[in-house]
Amino acid sequence: MECLAERHSTREFTADPLPLQTLSNLLWAAFGVNREDGRRTAPSARNWQEADIYVFLEEGIYRYDATANRLQSILPGDHRAATGQQDFVSVAPLNLLYVSDLAKMGTAAEADKILYAAADVGFIAQNVYLYCASEGLAAVVRGLVNREELAKTLELRPDQRIILAQTIGYPQ
């Protein structure tokens, strides 16, 4: 009950980096594998597990590999500012970008794919909020992102859709 009471959105962050173990724990809480059958900490429609988490740090962009619980390097350099138009996105140490791979959703209708993808990312983002509340971290979900620019930067396919971004760090 306490972490639910503490959950809130914050838009003021320090630049202090997150310890690697905190980052690892946060990503596992978000959408990590928590069962031997490969299922995750957040539900996904029909267990499609279509969501990918892109991790924007000062050092570079990574993709979270939930099966191995590790980061895969995508692009070096600080690209945090590309995740949003708000000033705080380049101050906070971590920005997550949630991308849904609609190709993993089979023959479902396009409208259903978008609906399920958005709901599934919402579950993941809420897990991040609750982890942050339990650890004294600040977070905010953002929908205002330059999807076209980010898709080019990440070299996404047309069936990979950027759903939301989430900024995480220590509260100011």
Foldseek 3Di string as FASTA:
>chain_A
DQLVVQFDADQAFALDADPPVLVLVLQQLLWAQDDPVRHTNFDAVVSLPQKWKWKFFQQAIWIQDRVVSDTHGQGGHHPQCQFAVDPSSSRFGIKIWIKGQLVSVPPDDPVVSLVRSLVRNVRSVVSSSSSCSVVQKHKDKAQHHPFVVVCVSRVPDPRIGTGIMMTIHHHD
